[in-house]
Structures are given as structure tokens and as C-alpha cells.
Amino acid sequence: MDIRTGLGWDNHRIAVGRPLILGGITVPCEFGLDGHSDADVLSHAITDALLGALALGDIGMHFPDTDPRWKGCDSLVFLRHAVALARELGYTISNVDSTVILQRPRLKDFRQPIRESLAAALELPVDRVSVKFKTAEKVGPVGEGKSGEAQAAVLLYKPA
């Protein structure tokens, strides 16, 4: 069996007046994250983890921020693209583990809707999608409320 792992990370500045979107879910908040697309750091990190496991580069190679087609784009489009590439190459996604690091707002009430949204995009059962939330304990740009980030790990397999 061919087994691959991937690691993804993304970071965006806080931006007042933009929606806060995590895993395809809009979280009510007075700010969002700044980016060319919808700046969904969680979807971006998982997309990069999948692309990395497949050795197919990163999200910027597939969806450059210089291309106007991706301006304001729903980041689940990027995630579904990476899922399709994995399937085309014969891989199955075993599971995803992810962490959102954001000083505020509190996100615990959004865990299940985010997991369900990601599971649908990943074509996985919800029990194979983990989403954790952390603050930065008021340390660094995230802790100072200047940015938000996400990390993700994926496991892919292909029968021999």
C-alpha cells in the first residue's frame, strides 16, 4: 500500500469589514481575514496539505492570487480541486486533522458545522475530519489580533 502524509499551513491578516470564513462556514464577527479569495485559512491549509501529500506544489501554484478568476472565490473550490486530484491519482483520503489559531472570537460552537462542511467537500464521513481551535495566548501577530492561521495534516493511501 502506498501511504502519503501532507502538512499544510496558512496565515492571513485580520481585516475589518470582511466576513470570517472557516471551513466554508461564515462565523459572525466584526472582522474577517484579508486575501485574494475568501481568505478561508482552514480550507487553504487543508488544500495545501493534500497538494503536498501528492507532491503537486501548493495552492498558489494552482490558484495564483494574480489571476482575477480567483478574486473572492469560495475556498472550498480549491479544496474540491485537491480532492479530485487525489482521486485521479488513485488516492483515498483517510483523515484530516486541523487546527485554527485565532485569538478571537470563540469558535467552539462552530466546530460541528465546520467539520460537516469540510467533510462534504472532502467526501469523507465527519468522524474522519478533526478541527481544533487554539488561541495564541496573546503572543505574536495572532495573539495580538493582527492575523489568523490554520494548520492541517492529511493521510492518503492507495492500495498496492
C-alpha atoms as a PDB file:
ATOM      1  CA  MET A   1       0.000   0.000   0.000  1.00  0.00           C
ATOM      2  CA  ASP A   2       1.223   3.497  -0.868  1.00  0.00           C
ATOM      3  CA  ILE A   3       0.740   5.835   2.113  1.00  0.00           C
ATOM      4  CA  ARG A   4       1.385   9.576   1.991  1.00  0.00           C
ATOM      5  CA  THR A   5       1.099  12.362   4.516  1.00  0.00           C
ATOM      6  CA  GLY A   6       0.795  16.075   3.890  1.00  0.00           C
ATOM      7  CA  LEU A   7       1.188  19.163   6.026  1.00  0.00           C
ATOM      8  CA  GLY A   8      -0.491  22.491   5.299  1.00  0.00           C
ATOM      9  CA  TRP A   9      -0.340  25.945   6.857  1.00  0.00           C
ATOM     10  CA  ASP A  10      -1.898  29.294   6.017  1.00  0.00           C
ATOM     11  CA  ASN A  11      -1.943  32.760   7.551  1.00  0.00           C
ATOM     12  CA  HIS A  12      -3.965  35.900   6.731  1.00  0.00           C
ATOM     13  CA  ARG A  13      -4.199  39.389   8.222  1.00  0.00           C
ATOM     14  CA  ILE A  14      -7.292  40.434  10.156  1.00  0.00           C
ATOM     15  CA  ALA A  15      -9.476  42.781   8.101  1.00  0.00           C
ATOM     16  CA  VAL A  16     -12.428  44.753   9.445  1.00  0.00           C
ATOM     17  CA  GLY A  17     -15.456  44.628   7.159  1.00  0.00           C
ATOM     18  CA  ARG A  18     -14.721  41.212   5.643  1.00  0.00           C
ATOM     19  CA  PRO A  19     -16.558  38.023   6.561  1.00  0.00           C
ATOM     20  CA  LEU A  20     -14.763  35.469   8.737  1.00  0.00           C
ATOM     21  CA  ILE A  21     -14.980  32.188   6.843  1.00  0.00           C
ATOM     22  CA  LEU A  22     -13.561  28.967   8.258  1.00  0.00           C
ATOM     23  CA  GLY A  23     -14.024  25.637   6.522  1.00  0.00           C
ATOM     24  CA  GLY A  24     -16.695  27.168   4.310  1.00  0.00           C
ATOM     25  CA  ILE A  25     -18.752  28.428   7.271  1.00  0.00           C
ATOM     26  CA  THR A  26     -19.280  32.138   7.927  1.00  0.00           C
ATOM     27  CA  VAL A  27     -18.652  32.908  11.588  1.00  0.00           C
ATOM     28  CA  PRO A  28     -20.443  36.033  12.885  1.00  0.00           C
ATOM     29  CA  CYS A  29     -17.721  38.515  13.782  1.00  0.00           C
ATOM     30  CA  GLU A  30     -16.848  42.189  13.278  1.00  0.00           C
ATOM     31  CA  PHE A  31     -13.800  41.199  11.225  1.00  0.00           C
ATOM     32  CA  GLY A  32     -12.642  38.595   8.775  1.00  0.00           C
ATOM     33  CA  LEU A  33      -9.388  37.692   7.111  1.00  0.00           C
ATOM     34  CA  ASP A  34      -7.834  39.530   4.192  1.00  0.00           C
ATOM     35  CA  GLY A  35      -6.960  37.706   0.999  1.00  0.00           C
ATOM     36  CA  HIS A  36      -7.476  37.457  -2.732  1.00  0.00           C
ATOM     37  CA  SER A  37     -10.089  34.717  -2.342  1.00  0.00           C
ATOM     38  CA  ASP A  38     -12.454  34.466   0.639  1.00  0.00           C
ATOM     39  CA  ALA A  39      -9.315  34.028   2.840  1.00  0.00           C
ATOM     40  CA  ASP A  40     -10.565  30.803   4.438  1.00  0.00           C
ATOM     41  CA  VAL A  41      -7.289  29.849   6.173  1.00  0.00           C
ATOM     42  CA  LEU A  42      -8.625  26.455   7.223  1.00  0.00           C
ATOM     43  CA  SER A  43      -9.633  25.369   3.726  1.00  0.00           C
ATOM     44  CA  HIS A  44      -6.331  26.736   2.401  1.00  0.00           C
ATOM     45  CA  ALA A  45      -4.275  24.766   4.934  1.00  0.00           C
ATOM     46  CA  ILE A  46      -6.107  21.515   4.155  1.00  0.00           C
ATOM     47  CA  THR A  47      -5.780  22.149   0.405  1.00  0.00           C
ATOM     48  CA  ASP A  48      -2.022  22.661   0.816  1.00  0.00           C
ATOM     49  CA  ALA A  49      -1.755  19.502   2.926  1.00  0.00           C
ATOM     50  CA  LEU A  50      -3.440  17.478   0.167  1.00  0.00           C
ATOM     51  CA  LEU A  51      -1.334  19.040  -2.589  1.00  0.00           C
ATOM     52  CA  GLY A  52       1.809  18.447  -0.530  1.00  0.00           C
ATOM     53  CA  ALA A  53       0.979  14.783   0.057  1.00  0.00           C
ATOM     54  CA  LEU A  54       0.566  14.408  -3.706  1.00  0.00           C
ATOM     55  CA  ALA A  55       3.807  16.342  -4.397  1.00  0.00           C
ATOM     56  CA  LEU A  56       1.806  18.738  -6.594  1.00  0.00           C
ATOM     57  CA  GLY A  57       3.040  22.032  -5.173  1.00  0.00           C
ATOM     58  CA  ASP A  58       0.916  24.448  -3.216  1.00  0.00           C
ATOM     59  CA  ILE A  59      -2.338  26.351  -3.508  1.00  0.00           C
ATOM     60  CA  GLY A  60      -0.630  29.369  -5.103  1.00  0.00           C
ATOM     61  CA  MET A  61       0.626  27.245  -7.992  1.00  0.00           C
ATOM     62  CA  HIS A  62      -2.891  26.022  -8.774  1.00  0.00           C
ATOM     63  CA  PHE A  63      -4.792  29.223  -7.930  1.00  0.00           C
ATOM     64  CA  PRO A  64      -2.431  32.230  -8.191  1.00  0.00           C
ATOM     65  CA  ASP A  65      -3.561  35.417  -6.488  1.00  0.00           C
ATOM     66  CA  THR A  66      -2.585  37.276  -9.655  1.00  0.00           C
ATOM     67  CA  ASP A  67      -5.434  35.593 -11.531  1.00  0.00           C
ATOM     68  CA  PRO A  68      -8.670  37.622 -11.358  1.00  0.00           C
ATOM     69  CA  ARG A  69     -10.726  34.396 -11.686  1.00  0.00           C
ATOM     70  CA  TRP A  70      -9.973  33.624  -8.042  1.00  0.00           C
ATOM     71  CA  LYS A  71     -10.834  37.075  -6.640  1.00  0.00           C
ATOM     72  CA  GLY A  72     -13.337  36.482  -3.831  1.00  0.00           C
ATOM     73  CA  CYS A  73     -13.568  32.778  -4.690  1.00  0.00           C
ATOM     74  CA  ASP A  74     -15.080  30.293  -2.251  1.00  0.00           C
ATOM     75  CA  SER A  75     -12.042  28.372  -0.970  1.00  0.00           C
ATOM     76  CA  LEU A  76     -13.972  25.112  -0.946  1.00  0.00           C
ATOM     77  CA  VAL A  77     -13.482  25.250  -4.748  1.00  0.00           C
ATOM     78  CA  PHE A  78      -9.731  24.925  -4.108  1.00  0.00           C
ATOM     79  CA  LEU A  79     -10.264  22.105  -1.633  1.00  0.00           C
ATOM     80  CA  ARG A  80     -12.522  20.163  -4.013  1.00  0.00           C
ATOM     81  CA  HIS A  81      -9.869  20.576  -6.732  1.00  0.00           C
ATOM     82  CA  ALA A  82      -7.223  18.982  -4.488  1.00  0.00           C
ATOM     83  CA  VAL A  83      -9.623  16.159  -3.574  1.00  0.00           C
ATOM     84  CA  ALA A  84     -10.261  15.498  -7.286  1.00  0.00           C
ATOM     85  CA  LEU A  85      -6.506  15.394  -7.981  1.00  0.00           C
ATOM     86  CA  ALA A  86      -6.028  12.844  -5.204  1.00  0.00           C
ATOM     87  CA  ARG A  87      -8.798  10.660  -6.615  1.00  0.00           C
ATOM     88  CA  GLU A  88      -7.442  10.958 -10.184  1.00  0.00           C
ATOM     89  CA  LEU A  89      -4.098   9.659  -8.911  1.00  0.00           C
ATOM     90  CA  GLY A  90      -5.808   6.737  -7.183  1.00  0.00           C
ATOM     91  CA  TYR A  91      -5.527   8.001  -3.601  1.00  0.00           C
ATOM     92  CA  THR A  92      -8.143   7.852  -0.887  1.00  0.00           C
ATOM     93  CA  ILE A  93      -8.153  10.380   1.924  1.00  0.00           C
ATOM     94  CA  SER A  94      -8.027   8.542   5.226  1.00  0.00           C
ATOM     95  CA  ASN A  95      -8.389  11.505   7.568  1.00  0.00           C
ATOM     96  CA  VAL A  96      -7.690  15.182   8.158  1.00  0.00           C
ATOM     97  CA  ASP A  97      -6.500  16.782  11.384  1.00  0.00           C
ATOM     98  CA  SER A  98      -6.536  20.578  11.549  1.00  0.00           C
ATOM     99  CA  THR A  99      -6.108  23.478  13.938  1.00  0.00           C
ATOM    100  CA  VAL A 100      -7.307  27.072  13.625  1.00  0.00           C
ATOM    101  CA  ILE A 101      -5.262  29.588  15.625  1.00  0.00           C
ATOM    102  CA  LEU A 102      -7.213  32.789  16.214  1.00  0.00           C
ATOM    103  CA  GLN A 103      -7.237  34.919  19.337  1.00  0.00           C
ATOM    104  CA  ARG A 104     -10.939  35.670  18.992  1.00  0.00           C
ATOM    105  CA  PRO A 105     -13.844  35.056  18.537  1.00  0.00           C
ATOM    106  CA  ARG A 106     -14.526  31.868  20.470  1.00  0.00           C
ATOM    107  CA  LEU A 107     -15.140  29.183  17.867  1.00  0.00           C
ATOM    108  CA  LYS A 108     -16.246  26.092  19.824  1.00  0.00           C
ATOM    109  CA  ASP A 109     -19.904  26.498  18.816  1.00  0.00           C
ATOM    110  CA  PHE A 110     -18.902  26.317  15.136  1.00  0.00           C
ATOM    111  CA  ARG A 111     -16.879  23.090  15.335  1.00  0.00           C
ATOM    112  CA  GLN A 112     -19.607  20.740  14.113  1.00  0.00           C
ATOM    113  CA  PRO A 113     -20.849  22.890  11.198  1.00  0.00           C
ATOM    114  CA  ILE A 114     -17.235  23.414  10.077  1.00  0.00           C
ATOM    115  CA  ARG A 115     -16.488  19.687  10.315  1.00  0.00           C
ATOM    116  CA  GLU A 116     -19.644  18.888   8.330  1.00  0.00           C
ATOM    117  CA  SER A 117     -18.817  21.445   5.635  1.00  0.00           C
ATOM    118  CA  LEU A 118     -15.258  20.165   5.271  1.00  0.00           C
ATOM    119  CA  ALA A 119     -16.367  16.519   5.333  1.00  0.00           C
ATOM    120  CA  ALA A 120     -18.747  17.195   2.438  1.00  0.00           C
ATOM    121  CA  ALA A 121     -16.012  18.903   0.400  1.00  0.00           C
ATOM    122  CA  LEU A 122     -13.535  16.139   1.225  1.00  0.00           C
ATOM    123  CA  GLU A 123     -16.125  13.415   0.518  1.00  0.00           C
ATOM    124  CA  LEU A 124     -15.425  11.917   3.939  1.00  0.00           C
ATOM    125  CA  PRO A 125     -17.501  10.908   6.940  1.00  0.00           C
ATOM    126  CA  VAL A 126     -17.460  13.613   9.627  1.00  0.00           C
ATOM    127  CA  ASP A 127     -15.642  11.293  12.045  1.00  0.00           C
ATOM    128  CA  ARG A 128     -12.568  11.488   9.779  1.00  0.00           C
ATOM    129  CA  VAL A 129     -12.328  15.301   9.949  1.00  0.00           C
ATOM    130  CA  SER A 130     -10.854  16.861  13.075  1.00  0.00           C
ATOM    131  CA  VAL A 131     -10.996  20.619  13.676  1.00  0.00           C
ATOM    132  CA  LYS A 132      -9.392  22.107  16.767  1.00  0.00           C
ATOM    133  CA  PHE A 133      -9.298  25.727  17.920  1.00  0.00           C
ATOM    134  CA  LYS A 134      -6.473  27.454  19.760  1.00  0.00           C
ATOM    135  CA  THR A 135      -5.601  30.988  20.770  1.00  0.00           C
ATOM    136  CA  ALA A 136      -2.038  32.243  20.644  1.00  0.00           C
ATOM    137  CA  GLU A 137      -2.150  33.258  24.328  1.00  0.00           C
ATOM    138  CA  LYS A 138      -1.750  36.921  23.282  1.00  0.00           C
ATOM    139  CA  VAL A 139       1.698  36.162  21.801  1.00  0.00           C
ATOM    140  CA  GLY A 140       2.824  37.219  18.313  1.00  0.00           C
ATOM    141  CA  PRO A 141       0.666  38.564  15.476  1.00  0.00           C
ATOM    142  CA  VAL A 142      -2.164  36.075  16.064  1.00  0.00           C
ATOM    143  CA  GLY A 143      -2.199  36.723  19.798  1.00  0.00           C
ATOM    144  CA  GLU A 144      -2.177  40.469  19.202  1.00  0.00           C
ATOM    145  CA  GLY A 145      -5.260  40.142  16.980  1.00  0.00           C
ATOM    146  CA  LYS A 146      -3.417  41.040  13.772  1.00  0.00           C
ATOM    147  CA  SER A 147      -3.786  37.721  11.937  1.00  0.00           C
ATOM    148  CA  GLY A 148      -5.291  34.253  11.951  1.00  0.00           C
ATOM    149  CA  GLU A 149      -3.778  30.990  10.864  1.00  0.00           C
ATOM    150  CA  ALA A 150      -4.518  27.325  10.372  1.00  0.00           C
ATOM    151  CA  GLN A 151      -2.532  24.111  10.189  1.00  0.00           C
ATOM    152  CA  ALA A 152      -3.561  20.766   8.732  1.00  0.00           C
ATOM    153  CA  ALA A 153      -2.262  17.244   8.333  1.00  0.00           C
ATOM    154  CA  VAL A 154      -3.713  14.633   5.982  1.00  0.00           C
ATOM    155  CA  LEU A 155      -3.181  10.924   5.436  1.00  0.00           C
ATOM    156  CA  LEU A 156      -3.700   9.450   1.953  1.00  0.00           C
ATOM    157  CA  TYR A 157      -3.461   5.841   0.857  1.00  0.00           C
ATOM    158  CA  LYS A 158      -3.540   3.874  -2.376  1.00  0.00           C
ATOM    159  CA  PRO A 159      -3.880   0.100  -2.463  1.00  0.00           C
ATOM    160  CA  ALA A 160      -0.879  -1.683  -3.973  1.00  0.00           C
END
